[in-house]
């Protein structure tokens, strides 16, 4: 159909989207989230873990903060497979890595697990 409408148009490839469009979009949104978290006075984190098909464990870390106009903002910072044991030390390391990556370690975030 596109070829009929505009024969000179070249449809972007899957590689273009996966290597250019999606990473650019991710980096732009990540910058916006880092700026939003940077303006927050305090940040709380929730950490939820679940198992998919009884074999694959995943964990999601979400940051929450209240803006100056008293609106609650939440940002999912990371969802990833959790291959190691679900010990306190491993979860603490995950949370440390997340707070460092998103520049919120100095905000002394409160944490809750689901």
PDB file of N, CA and C in Angstrom:
ATOM      1  N   UNK A   1       0.820  -1.176   0.000  1.00  0.00           N
ATOM      2  CA  UNK A   1       0.000   0.000   0.000  1.00  0.00           C
ATOM      3  C   UNK A   1       0.882   1.265   0.000  1.00  0.00           C
ATOM      4  N   UNK A   2       1.895   1.278   0.845  1.00  0.00           N
ATOM      5  CA  UNK A   2       2.768   2.456   0.894  1.00  0.00           C
ATOM      6  C   UNK A   2       3.509   2.617  -0.431  1.00  0.00           C
ATOM      7  N   UNK A   3       3.922   1.514  -1.000  1.00  0.00           N
ATOM      8  CA  UNK A   3       4.620   1.575  -2.283  1.00  0.00           C
ATOM      9  C   UNK A   3       3.711   2.187  -3.359  1.00  0.00           C
ATOM     10  N   UNK A   4       2.425   1.897  -3.278  1.00  0.00           N
ATOM     11  CA  UNK A   4       1.474   2.466  -4.237  1.00  0.00           C
ATOM     12  C   UNK A   4       1.293   3.961  -3.991  1.00  0.00           C
ATOM     13  N   UNK A   5       1.201   4.349  -2.725  1.00  0.00           N
ATOM     14  CA  UNK A   5       0.999   5.765  -2.391  1.00  0.00           C
ATOM     15  C   UNK A   5       2.231   6.618  -2.683  1.00  0.00           C
ATOM     16  N   UNK A   6       3.391   6.097  -2.267  1.00  0.00           N
ATOM     17  CA  UNK A   6       4.640   6.847  -2.470  1.00  0.00           C
ATOM     18  C   UNK A   6       5.766   5.861  -2.745  1.00  0.00           C
ATOM     19  N   UNK A   7       6.034   5.570  -4.009  1.00  0.00           N
ATOM     20  CA  UNK A   7       7.030   4.556  -4.363  1.00  0.00           C
ATOM     21  C   UNK A   7       8.449   4.891  -3.901  1.00  0.00           C
ATOM     22  N   UNK A   8       8.750   6.156  -3.673  1.00  0.00           N
ATOM     23  CA  UNK A   8      10.110   6.535  -3.267  1.00  0.00           C
ATOM     24  C   UNK A   8      10.349   6.354  -1.769  1.00  0.00           C
ATOM     25  N   UNK A   9       9.273   6.167  -1.013  1.00  0.00           N
ATOM     26  CA  UNK A   9       9.414   6.030   0.440  1.00  0.00           C
ATOM     27  C   UNK A   9      10.040   4.686   0.792  1.00  0.00           C
ATOM     28  N   UNK A  10      11.046   4.724   1.623  1.00  0.00           N
ATOM     29  CA  UNK A  10      11.709   3.504   2.083  1.00  0.00           C
ATOM     30  C   UNK A  10      11.277   3.252   3.524  1.00  0.00           C
ATOM     31  N   UNK A  11      10.678   2.118   3.753  1.00  0.00           N
ATOM     32  CA  UNK A  11      10.203   1.770   5.096  1.00  0.00           C
ATOM     33  C   UNK A  11      11.417   1.497   5.983  1.00  0.00           C
ATOM     34  N   UNK A  12      11.484   2.141   7.152  1.00  0.00           N
ATOM     35  CA  UNK A  12      12.618   1.901   8.058  1.00  0.00           C
ATOM     36  C   UNK A  12      12.669   0.435   8.490  1.00  0.00           C
ATOM     37  N   UNK A  13      13.869  -0.047   8.679  1.00  0.00           N
ATOM     38  CA  UNK A  13      14.056  -1.450   9.039  1.00  0.00           C
ATOM     39  C   UNK A  13      13.870  -1.665  10.539  1.00  0.00           C
ATOM     40  N   UNK A  14      13.724  -2.916  10.908  1.00  0.00           N
ATOM     41  CA  UNK A  14      13.641  -3.280  12.323  1.00  0.00           C
ATOM     42  C   UNK A  14      14.914  -2.860  13.038  1.00  0.00           C
ATOM     43  N   UNK A  15      16.049  -3.016  12.391  1.00  0.00           N
ATOM     44  CA  UNK A  15      17.336  -2.640  12.966  1.00  0.00           C
ATOM     45  C   UNK A  15      17.379  -1.139  13.262  1.00  0.00           C
ATOM     46  N   UNK A  16      16.834  -0.330  12.384  1.00  0.00           N
ATOM     47  CA  UNK A  16      16.791   1.118  12.600  1.00  0.00           C
ATOM     48  C   UNK A  16      16.023   1.438  13.888  1.00  0.00           C
ATOM     49  N   UNK A  17      14.872   0.785  14.066  1.00  0.00           N
ATOM     50  CA  UNK A  17      14.081   1.040  15.269  1.00  0.00           C
ATOM     51  C   UNK A  17      14.780   0.523  16.516  1.00  0.00           C
ATOM     52  N   UNK A  18      15.334  -0.688  16.450  1.00  0.00           N
ATOM     53  CA  UNK A  18      15.938  -1.279  17.644  1.00  0.00           C
ATOM     54  C   UNK A  18      17.273  -0.646  18.016  1.00  0.00           C
ATOM     55  N   UNK A  19      18.003  -0.111  17.043  1.00  0.00           N
ATOM     56  CA  UNK A  19      19.316   0.457  17.341  1.00  0.00           C
ATOM     57  C   UNK A  19      19.339   1.977  17.383  1.00  0.00           C
ATOM     58  N   UNK A  20      18.311   2.631  16.870  1.00  0.00           N
ATOM     59  CA  UNK A  20      18.310   4.092  16.837  1.00  0.00           C
ATOM     60  C   UNK A  20      17.108   4.694  17.556  1.00  0.00           C
ATOM     61  N   UNK A  21      15.924   4.353  17.115  1.00  0.00           N
ATOM     62  CA  UNK A  21      14.717   4.993  17.637  1.00  0.00           C
ATOM     63  C   UNK A  21      14.485   4.647  19.106  1.00  0.00           C
ATOM     64  N   UNK A  22      14.473   3.371  19.439  1.00  0.00           N
ATOM     65  CA  UNK A  22      14.177   2.955  20.814  1.00  0.00           C
ATOM     66  C   UNK A  22      15.252   3.442  21.795  1.00  0.00           C
ATOM     67  N   UNK A  23      16.554   3.281  21.524  1.00  0.00           N
ATOM     68  CA  UNK A  23      17.552   3.814  22.459  1.00  0.00           C
ATOM     69  C   UNK A  23      17.464   5.336  22.636  1.00  0.00           C
ATOM     70  N   UNK A  24      17.175   6.068  21.573  1.00  0.00           N
ATOM     71  CA  UNK A  24      17.036   7.526  21.689  1.00  0.00           C
ATOM     72  C   UNK A  24      15.839   7.878  22.553  1.00  0.00           C
ATOM     73  N   UNK A  25      14.726   7.221  22.317  1.00  0.00           N
ATOM     74  CA  UNK A  25      13.533   7.443  23.130  1.00  0.00           C
ATOM     75  C   UNK A  25      13.804   7.104  24.593  1.00  0.00           C
ATOM     76  N   UNK A  26      14.465   5.977  24.842  1.00  0.00           N
ATOM     77  CA  UNK A  26      14.803   5.572  26.210  1.00  0.00           C
ATOM     78  C   UNK A  26      15.674   6.631  26.893  1.00  0.00           C
ATOM     79  N   UNK A  27      16.710   7.080  26.221  1.00  0.00           N
ATOM     80  CA  UNK A  27      17.609   8.071  26.818  1.00  0.00           C
ATOM     81  C   UNK A  27      16.903   9.396  27.095  1.00  0.00           C
ATOM     82  N   UNK A  28      16.006   9.813  26.204  1.00  0.00           N
ATOM     83  CA  UNK A  28      15.253  11.052  26.433  1.00  0.00           C
ATOM     84  C   UNK A  28      14.340  10.928  27.650  1.00  0.00           C
ATOM     85  N   UNK A  29      13.623   9.824  27.744  1.00  0.00           N
ATOM     86  CA  UNK A  29      12.724   9.612  28.878  1.00  0.00           C
ATOM     87  C   UNK A  29      13.528   9.452  30.164  1.00  0.00           C
ATOM     88  N   UNK A  30      14.643   8.747  30.101  1.00  0.00           N
ATOM     89  CA  UNK A  30      15.481   8.573  31.299  1.00  0.00           C
ATOM     90  C   UNK A  30      15.972   9.924  31.815  1.00  0.00           C
ATOM     91  N   UNK A  31      16.363  10.813  30.920  1.00  0.00           N
ATOM     92  CA  UNK A  31      16.790  12.156  31.336  1.00  0.00           C
ATOM     93  C   UNK A  31      15.656  12.903  32.017  1.00  0.00           C
ATOM     94  N   UNK A  32      14.442  12.793  31.473  1.00  0.00           N
ATOM     95  CA  UNK A  32      13.283  13.452  32.091  1.00  0.00           C
ATOM     96  C   UNK A  32      13.013  12.898  33.484  1.00  0.00           C
ATOM     97  N   UNK A  33      13.115  11.584  33.637  1.00  0.00           N
ATOM     98  CA  UNK A  33      12.868  10.962  34.950  1.00  0.00           C
ATOM     99  C   UNK A  33      13.949  11.373  35.937  1.00  0.00           C
ATOM    100  N   UNK A  34      15.209  11.383  35.514  1.00  0.00           N
ATOM    101  CA  UNK A  34      16.299  11.806  36.399  1.00  0.00           C
ATOM    102  C   UNK A  34      16.085  13.251  36.839  1.00  0.00           C
ATOM    103  N   UNK A  35      15.666  14.120  35.926  1.00  0.00           N
ATOM    104  CA  UNK A  35      15.374  15.511  36.293  1.00  0.00           C
ATOM    105  C   UNK A  35      14.225  15.597  37.281  1.00  0.00           C
ATOM    106  N   UNK A  36      13.177  14.815  37.051  1.00  0.00           N
ATOM    107  CA  UNK A  36      12.027  14.796  37.953  1.00  0.00           C
ATOM    108  C   UNK A  36      12.446  14.323  39.343  1.00  0.00           C
ATOM    109  N   UNK A  37      13.220  13.250  39.412  1.00  0.00           N
ATOM    110  CA  UNK A  37      13.687  12.743  40.700  1.00  0.00           C
ATOM    111  C   UNK A  37      14.659  13.713  41.356  1.00  0.00           C
ATOM    112  N   UNK A  38      15.421  14.436  40.558  1.00  0.00           N
ATOM    113  CA  UNK A  38      16.364  15.412  41.098  1.00  0.00           C
ATOM    114  C   UNK A  38      15.660  16.571  41.789  1.00  0.00           C
ATOM    115  N   UNK A  39      14.459  16.921  41.339  1.00  0.00           N
ATOM    116  CA  UNK A  39      13.695  18.006  41.960  1.00  0.00           C
ATOM    117  C   UNK A  39      12.975  17.558  43.231  1.00  0.00           C
ATOM    118  N   UNK A  40      12.876  16.254  43.430  1.00  0.00           N
ATOM    119  CA  UNK A  40      12.149  15.726  44.588  1.00  0.00           C
ATOM    120  C   UNK A  40      12.945  15.951  45.868  1.00  0.00           C
ATOM    121  N   UNK A  41      12.225  16.271  46.933  1.00  0.00           N
ATOM    122  CA  UNK A  41      12.890  16.414  48.229  1.00  0.00           C
ATOM    123  C   UNK A  41      13.205  15.056  48.820  1.00  0.00           C
ATOM    124  N   UNK A  42      12.255  14.160  48.743  1.00  0.00           N
ATOM    125  CA  UNK A  42      12.411  12.789  49.245  1.00  0.00           C
ATOM    126  C   UNK A  42      11.854  11.830  48.207  1.00  0.00           C
ATOM    127  N   UNK A  43      12.362  10.615  48.215  1.00  0.00           N
ATOM    128  CA  UNK A  43      11.918   9.592  47.287  1.00  0.00           C
ATOM    129  C   UNK A  43      11.690   8.311  48.080  1.00  0.00           C
ATOM    130  N   UNK A  44      10.620   7.615  47.762  1.00  0.00           N
ATOM    131  CA  UNK A  44      10.436   6.277  48.332  1.00  0.00           C
ATOM    132  C   UNK A  44      10.481   5.277  47.187  1.00  0.00           C
ATOM    133  N   UNK A  45      10.928   4.081  47.507  1.00  0.00           N
ATOM    134  CA  UNK A  45      11.041   3.023  46.518  1.00  0.00           C
ATOM    135  C   UNK A  45      10.165   1.851  46.932  1.00  0.00           C
ATOM    136  N   UNK A  46       9.519   1.233  45.959  1.00  0.00           N
ATOM    137  CA  UNK A  46       8.863  -0.042  46.194  1.00  0.00           C
ATOM    138  C   UNK A  46       9.553  -1.068  45.313  1.00  0.00           C
ATOM    139  N   UNK A  47       9.637  -2.253  45.833  1.00  0.00           N
ATOM    140  CA  UNK A  47      10.335  -3.338  45.149  1.00  0.00           C
ATOM    141  C   UNK A  47       9.401  -4.540  45.146  1.00  0.00           C
ATOM    142  N   UNK A  48       9.013  -4.969  43.973  1.00  0.00           N
ATOM    143  CA  UNK A  48       8.120  -6.121  43.864  1.00  0.00           C
ATOM    144  C   UNK A  48       8.776  -7.225  43.069  1.00  0.00           C
ATOM    145  N   UNK A  49       8.617  -8.467  43.534  1.00  0.00           N
ATOM    146  CA  UNK A  49       9.181  -9.613  42.831  1.00  0.00           C
ATOM    147  C   UNK A  49       8.067 -10.599  42.522  1.00  0.00           C
ATOM    148  N   UNK A  50       8.199 -11.312  41.420  1.00  0.00           N
ATOM    149  CA  UNK A  50       7.223 -12.328  41.049  1.00  0.00           C
ATOM    150  C   UNK A  50       7.915 -13.388  40.219  1.00  0.00           C
ATOM    151  N   UNK A  51       7.252 -14.505  40.081  1.00  0.00           N
ATOM    152  CA  UNK A  51       7.788 -15.618  39.310  1.00  0.00           C
ATOM    153  C   UNK A  51       6.879 -15.879  38.123  1.00  0.00           C
ATOM    154  N   UNK A  52       7.484 -16.022  36.975  1.00  0.00           N
ATOM    155  CA  UNK A  52       6.759 -16.291  35.744  1.00  0.00           C
ATOM    156  C   UNK A  52       6.910 -17.763  35.393  1.00  0.00           C
ATOM    157  N   UNK A  53       5.821 -18.443  35.175  1.00  0.00           N
ATOM    158  CA  UNK A  53       5.818 -19.855  34.788  1.00  0.00           C
ATOM    159  C   UNK A  53       6.617 -20.730  35.744  1.00  0.00           C
ATOM    160  N   UNK A  54       6.636 -20.358  36.989  1.00  0.00           N
ATOM    161  CA  UNK A  54       7.274 -21.133  38.060  1.00  0.00           C
ATOM    162  C   UNK A  54       8.786 -21.314  37.919  1.00  0.00           C
ATOM    163  N   UNK A  55       9.408 -20.630  36.979  1.00  0.00           N
ATOM    164  CA  UNK A  55      10.857 -20.799  36.835  1.00  0.00           C
ATOM    165  C   UNK A  55      11.622 -19.488  36.722  1.00  0.00           C
ATOM    166  N   UNK A  56      11.026 -18.468  36.171  1.00  0.00           N
ATOM    167  CA  UNK A  56      11.735 -17.215  35.946  1.00  0.00           C
ATOM    168  C   UNK A  56      11.267 -16.167  36.956  1.00  0.00           C
ATOM    169  N   UNK A  57      12.199 -15.665  37.772  1.00  0.00           N
ATOM    170  CA  UNK A  57      11.870 -14.630  38.748  1.00  0.00           C
ATOM    171  C   UNK A  57      12.226 -13.259  38.200  1.00  0.00           C
ATOM    172  N   UNK A  58      11.375 -12.287  38.497  1.00  0.00           N
ATOM    173  CA  UNK A  58      11.593 -10.914  38.064  1.00  0.00           C
ATOM    174  C   UNK A  58      11.417  -9.980  39.250  1.00  0.00           C
ATOM    175  N   UNK A  59      12.033  -8.820  39.153  1.00  0.00           N
ATOM    176  CA  UNK A  59      11.882  -7.800  40.184  1.00  0.00           C
ATOM    177  C   UNK A  59      11.708  -6.447  39.498  1.00  0.00           C
ATOM    178  N   UNK A  60      10.839  -5.612  40.065  1.00  0.00           N
ATOM    179  CA  UNK A  60      10.618  -4.257  39.569  1.00  0.00           C
ATOM    180  C   UNK A  60      10.849  -3.286  40.708  1.00  0.00           C
ATOM    181  N   UNK A  61      11.592  -2.222  40.430  1.00  0.00           N
ATOM    182  CA  UNK A  61      11.815  -1.160  41.405  1.00  0.00           C
ATOM    183  C   UNK A  61      11.134   0.098  40.878  1.00  0.00           C
ATOM    184  N   UNK A  62      10.264   0.680  41.695  1.00  0.00           N
ATOM    185  CA  UNK A  62       9.519   1.875  41.326  1.00  0.00           C
ATOM    186  C   UNK A  62       9.825   2.984  42.322  1.00  0.00           C
ATOM    187  N   UNK A  63      10.064   4.191  41.834  1.00  0.00           N
ATOM    188  CA  UNK A  63      10.293   5.361  42.692  1.00  0.00           C
ATOM    189  C   UNK A  63       9.024   6.192  42.746  1.00  0.00           C
ATOM    190  N   UNK A  64       8.743   6.735  43.929  1.00  0.00           N
ATOM    191  CA  UNK A  64       7.568   7.576  44.129  1.00  0.00           C
ATOM    192  C   UNK A  64       8.018   8.857  44.824  1.00  0.00           C
ATOM    193  N   UNK A  65       7.437   9.982  44.412  1.00  0.00           N
ATOM    194  CA  UNK A  65       7.702  11.229  45.126  1.00  0.00           C
ATOM    195  C   UNK A  65       6.549  12.192  44.904  1.00  0.00           C
ATOM    196  N   UNK A  66       6.468  13.161  45.785  1.00  0.00           N
ATOM    197  CA  UNK A  66       5.406  14.163  45.713  1.00  0.00           C
ATOM    198  C   UNK A  66       6.010  15.458  45.198  1.00  0.00           C
ATOM    199  N   UNK A  67       5.349  16.052  44.218  1.00  0.00           N
ATOM    200  CA  UNK A  67       5.834  17.295  43.619  1.00  0.00           C
ATOM    201  C   UNK A  67       5.473  18.482  44.512  1.00  0.00           C
ATOM    202  N   UNK A  68       5.960  19.654  44.139  1.00  0.00           N
ATOM    203  CA  UNK A  68       5.664  20.872  44.898  1.00  0.00           C
ATOM    204  C   UNK A  68       4.181  21.202  44.923  1.00  0.00           C
ATOM    205  N   UNK A  69       3.429  20.763  43.903  1.00  0.00           N
ATOM    206  CA  UNK A  69       1.981  21.013  43.892  1.00  0.00           C
ATOM    207  C   UNK A  69       1.197  19.815  44.454  1.00  0.00           C
ATOM    208  N   UNK A  70       1.878  18.943  45.208  1.00  0.00           N
ATOM    209  CA  UNK A  70       1.279  17.811  45.914  1.00  0.00           C
ATOM    210  C   UNK A  70       0.713  16.735  44.983  1.00  0.00           C
ATOM    211  N   UNK A  71       1.287  16.589  43.814  1.00  0.00           N
ATOM    212  CA  UNK A  71       0.918  15.496  42.926  1.00  0.00           C
ATOM    213  C   UNK A  71       1.879  14.330  43.165  1.00  0.00           C
ATOM    214  N   UNK A  72       1.347  13.125  43.181  1.00  0.00           N
ATOM    215  CA  UNK A  72       2.187  11.946  43.342  1.00  0.00           C
ATOM    216  C   UNK A  72       2.694  11.508  41.970  1.00  0.00           C
ATOM    217  N   UNK A  73       4.004  11.365  41.852  1.00  0.00           N
ATOM    218  CA  UNK A  73       4.617  10.851  40.625  1.00  0.00           C
ATOM    219  C   UNK A  73       5.269   9.519  40.935  1.00  0.00           C
ATOM    220  N   UNK A  74       5.117   8.580  40.028  1.00  0.00           N
ATOM    221  CA  UNK A  74       5.757   7.272  40.160  1.00  0.00           C
ATOM    222  C   UNK A  74       6.488   6.961  38.857  1.00  0.00           C
ATOM    223  N   UNK A  75       7.668   6.397  39.001  1.00  0.00           N
ATOM    224  CA  UNK A  75       8.487   6.040  37.837  1.00  0.00           C
ATOM    225  C   UNK A  75       9.029   4.634  38.033  1.00  0.00           C
ATOM    226  N   UNK A  76       8.790   3.737  37.081  1.00  0.00           N
ATOM    227  CA  UNK A  76       9.410   2.419  37.118  1.00  0.00           C
ATOM    228  C   UNK A  76      10.860   2.603  36.691  1.00  0.00           C
ATOM    229  N   UNK A  77      11.780   2.275  37.588  1.00  0.00           N
ATOM    230  CA  UNK A  77      13.198   2.492  37.316  1.00  0.00           C
ATOM    231  C   UNK A  77      13.870   1.266  36.713  1.00  0.00           C
ATOM    232  N   UNK A  78      13.407   0.088  37.109  1.00  0.00           N
ATOM    233  CA  UNK A  78      14.036  -1.111  36.572  1.00  0.00           C
ATOM    234  C   UNK A  78      13.109  -2.302  36.743  1.00  0.00           C
ATOM    235  N   UNK A  79      13.031  -3.111  35.706  1.00  0.00           N
ATOM    236  CA  UNK A  79      12.434  -4.431  35.776  1.00  0.00           C
ATOM    237  C   UNK A  79      13.441  -5.373  35.148  1.00  0.00           C
ATOM    238  N   UNK A  80      13.806  -6.386  35.878  1.00  0.00           N
ATOM    239  CA  UNK A  80      14.796  -7.317  35.338  1.00  0.00           C
ATOM    240  C   UNK A  80      14.617  -8.702  35.921  1.00  0.00           C
ATOM    241  N   UNK A  81      15.183  -9.685  35.244  1.00  0.00           N
ATOM    242  CA  UNK A  81      15.179 -11.051  35.763  1.00  0.00           C
ATOM    243  C   UNK A  81      16.077 -11.102  36.987  1.00  0.00           C
ATOM    244  N   UNK A  82      15.659 -11.875  37.965  1.00  0.00           N
ATOM    245  CA  UNK A  82      16.430 -12.029  39.195  1.00  0.00           C
ATOM    246  C   UNK A  82      16.898 -13.480  39.254  1.00  0.00           C
ATOM    247  N   UNK A  83      18.117 -13.712  38.768  1.00  0.00           N
ATOM    248  CA  UNK A  83      18.645 -15.066  38.679  1.00  0.00           C
ATOM    249  C   UNK A  83      19.229 -15.539  39.999  1.00  0.00           C
ATOM    250  N   UNK A  84      19.767 -14.586  40.769  1.00  0.00           N
ATOM    251  CA  UNK A  84      20.368 -14.975  42.034  1.00  0.00           C
ATOM    252  C   UNK A  84      19.283 -15.200  43.095  1.00  0.00           C
ATOM    253  N   UNK A  85      19.690 -15.748  44.228  1.00  0.00           N
ATOM    254  CA  UNK A  85      18.755 -16.001  45.324  1.00  0.00           C
ATOM    255  C   UNK A  85      18.159 -14.702  45.834  1.00  0.00           C
ATOM    256  N   UNK A  86      16.970 -14.791  46.363  1.00  0.00           N
ATOM    257  CA  UNK A  86      16.242 -13.597  46.817  1.00  0.00           C
ATOM    258  C   UNK A  86      16.629 -13.227  48.247  1.00  0.00           C
ATOM    259  N   UNK A  87      17.916 -13.184  48.505  1.00  0.00           N
ATOM    260  CA  UNK A  87      18.385 -12.850  49.852  1.00  0.00           C
ATOM    261  C   UNK A  87      18.382 -11.339  50.048  1.00  0.00           C
ATOM    262  N   UNK A  88      18.426 -10.926  51.307  1.00  0.00           N
ATOM    263  CA  UNK A  88      18.476  -9.501  51.616  1.00  0.00           C
ATOM    264  C   UNK A  88      19.690  -8.830  51.007  1.00  0.00           C
ATOM    265  N   UNK A  89      20.825  -9.526  51.011  1.00  0.00           N
ATOM    266  CA  UNK A  89      22.057  -8.951  50.447  1.00  0.00           C
ATOM    267  C   UNK A  89      21.912  -8.697  48.947  1.00  0.00           C
ATOM    268  N   UNK A  90      21.309  -9.634  48.226  1.00  0.00           N
ATOM    269  CA  UNK A  90      21.141  -9.460  46.777  1.00  0.00           C
ATOM    270  C   UNK A  90      20.139  -8.352  46.462  1.00  0.00           C
ATOM    271  N   UNK A  91      19.053  -8.279  47.216  1.00  0.00           N
ATOM    272  CA  UNK A  91      18.075  -7.215  46.999  1.00  0.00           C
ATOM    273  C   UNK A  91      18.686  -5.865  47.365  1.00  0.00           C
ATOM    274  N   UNK A  92      19.467  -5.821  48.447  1.00  0.00           N
ATOM    275  CA  UNK A  92      20.137  -4.574  48.843  1.00  0.00           C
ATOM    276  C   UNK A  92      21.096  -4.105  47.754  1.00  0.00           C
ATOM    277  N   UNK A  93      21.831  -5.047  47.150  1.00  0.00           N
ATOM    278  CA  UNK A  93      22.747  -4.678  46.061  1.00  0.00           C
ATOM    279  C   UNK A  93      21.978  -4.133  44.860  1.00  0.00           C
ATOM    280  N   UNK A  94      20.855  -4.769  44.531  1.00  0.00           N
ATOM    281  CA  UNK A  94      20.010  -4.294  43.437  1.00  0.00           C
ATOM    282  C   UNK A  94      19.536  -2.869  43.717  1.00  0.00           C
ATOM    283  N   UNK A  95      19.038  -2.624  44.929  1.00  0.00           N
ATOM    284  CA  UNK A  95      18.548  -1.288  45.287  1.00  0.00           C
ATOM    285  C   UNK A  95      19.676  -0.261  45.274  1.00  0.00           C
ATOM    286  N   UNK A  96      20.853  -0.659  45.739  1.00  0.00           N
ATOM    287  CA  UNK A  96      22.007   0.250  45.696  1.00  0.00           C
ATOM    288  C   UNK A  96      22.345   0.626  44.257  1.00  0.00           C
ATOM    289  N   UNK A  97      22.357  -0.373  43.363  1.00  0.00           N
ATOM    290  CA  UNK A  97      22.655  -0.106  41.953  1.00  0.00           C
ATOM    291  C   UNK A  97      21.611   0.813  41.325  1.00  0.00           C
ATOM    292  N   UNK A  98      20.343   0.599  41.650  1.00  0.00           N
ATOM    293  CA  UNK A  98      19.271   1.439  41.103  1.00  0.00           C
ATOM    294  C   UNK A  98      19.404   2.872  41.602  1.00  0.00           C
ATOM    295  N   UNK A  99      19.626   3.042  42.909  1.00  0.00           N
ATOM    296  CA  UNK A  99      19.721   4.409  43.446  1.00  0.00           C
ATOM    297  C   UNK A  99      20.937   5.144  42.893  1.00  0.00           C
ATOM    298  N   UNK A 100      22.006   4.419  42.636  1.00  0.00           N
ATOM    299  CA  UNK A 100      23.198   5.040  42.038  1.00  0.00           C
ATOM    300  C   UNK A 100      22.939   5.425  40.584  1.00  0.00           C
ATOM    301  N   UNK A 101      22.372   4.506  39.815  1.00  0.00           N
ATOM    302  CA  UNK A 101      22.107   4.765  38.392  1.00  0.00           C
ATOM    303  C   UNK A 101      21.174   5.958  38.196  1.00  0.00           C
ATOM    304  N   UNK A 102      20.179   6.109  39.071  1.00  0.00           N
ATOM    305  CA  UNK A 102      19.165   7.152  38.901  1.00  0.00           C
ATOM    306  C   UNK A 102      19.443   8.386  39.763  1.00  0.00           C
ATOM    307  N   UNK A 103      20.636   8.463  40.354  1.00  0.00           N
ATOM    308  CA  UNK A 103      21.084   9.640  41.120  1.00  0.00           C
ATOM    309  C   UNK A 103      20.150   9.991  42.277  1.00  0.00           C
ATOM    310  N   UNK A 104      19.672   8.990  43.008  1.00  0.00           N
ATOM    311  CA  UNK A 104      18.799   9.282  44.145  1.00  0.00           C
ATOM    312  C   UNK A 104      19.351   8.750  45.458  1.00  0.00           C
ATOM    313  N   UNK A 105      20.575   8.238  45.459  1.00  0.00           N
ATOM    314  CA  UNK A 105      21.160   7.690  46.687  1.00  0.00           C
ATOM    315  C   UNK A 105      21.260   8.761  47.778  1.00  0.00           C
ATOM    316  N   UNK A 106      21.579  10.009  47.396  1.00  0.00           N
ATOM    317  CA  UNK A 106      21.731  11.089  48.381  1.00  0.00           C
ATOM    318  C   UNK A 106      20.395  11.526  48.966  1.00  0.00           C
ATOM    319  N   UNK A 107      19.294  11.077  48.410  1.00  0.00           N
ATOM    320  CA  UNK A 107      17.971  11.438  48.934  1.00  0.00           C
ATOM    321  C   UNK A 107      17.542  10.490  50.045  1.00  0.00           C
ATOM    322  N   UNK A 108      18.402   9.518  50.394  1.00  0.00           N
ATOM    323  CA  UNK A 108      18.130   8.569  51.466  1.00  0.00           C
ATOM    324  C   UNK A 108      16.747   7.960  51.319  1.00  0.00           C
ATOM    325  N   UNK A 109      16.504   7.255  50.203  1.00  0.00           N
ATOM    326  CA  UNK A 109      15.146   6.782  49.914  1.00  0.00           C
ATOM    327  C   UNK A 109      14.633   5.754  50.918  1.00  0.00           C
ATOM    328  N   UNK A 110      13.363   5.861  51.238  1.00  0.00           N
ATOM    329  CA  UNK A 110      12.692   4.850  52.036  1.00  0.00           C
ATOM    330  C   UNK A 110      12.311   3.708  51.108  1.00  0.00           C
ATOM    331  N   UNK A 111      12.393   2.468  51.579  1.00  0.00           N
ATOM    332  CA  UNK A 111      12.125   1.311  50.730  1.00  0.00           C
ATOM    333  C   UNK A 111      11.038   0.439  51.342  1.00  0.00           C
ATOM    334  N   UNK A 112      10.210  -0.100  50.457  1.00  0.00           N
ATOM    335  CA  UNK A 112       9.183  -1.061  50.877  1.00  0.00           C
ATOM    336  C   UNK A 112       9.169  -2.199  49.865  1.00  0.00           C
ATOM    337  N   UNK A 113       8.972  -3.403  50.348  1.00  0.00           N
ATOM    338  CA  UNK A 113       8.902  -4.572  49.458  1.00  0.00           C
ATOM    339  C   UNK A 113       7.474  -5.047  49.368  1.00  0.00           C
ATOM    340  N   UNK A 114       7.089  -5.475  48.177  1.00  0.00           N
ATOM    341  CA  UNK A 114       5.740  -6.017  47.960  1.00  0.00           C
ATOM    342  C   UNK A 114       5.795  -7.525  48.024  1.00  0.00           C
TER     343      UNK A 114
END
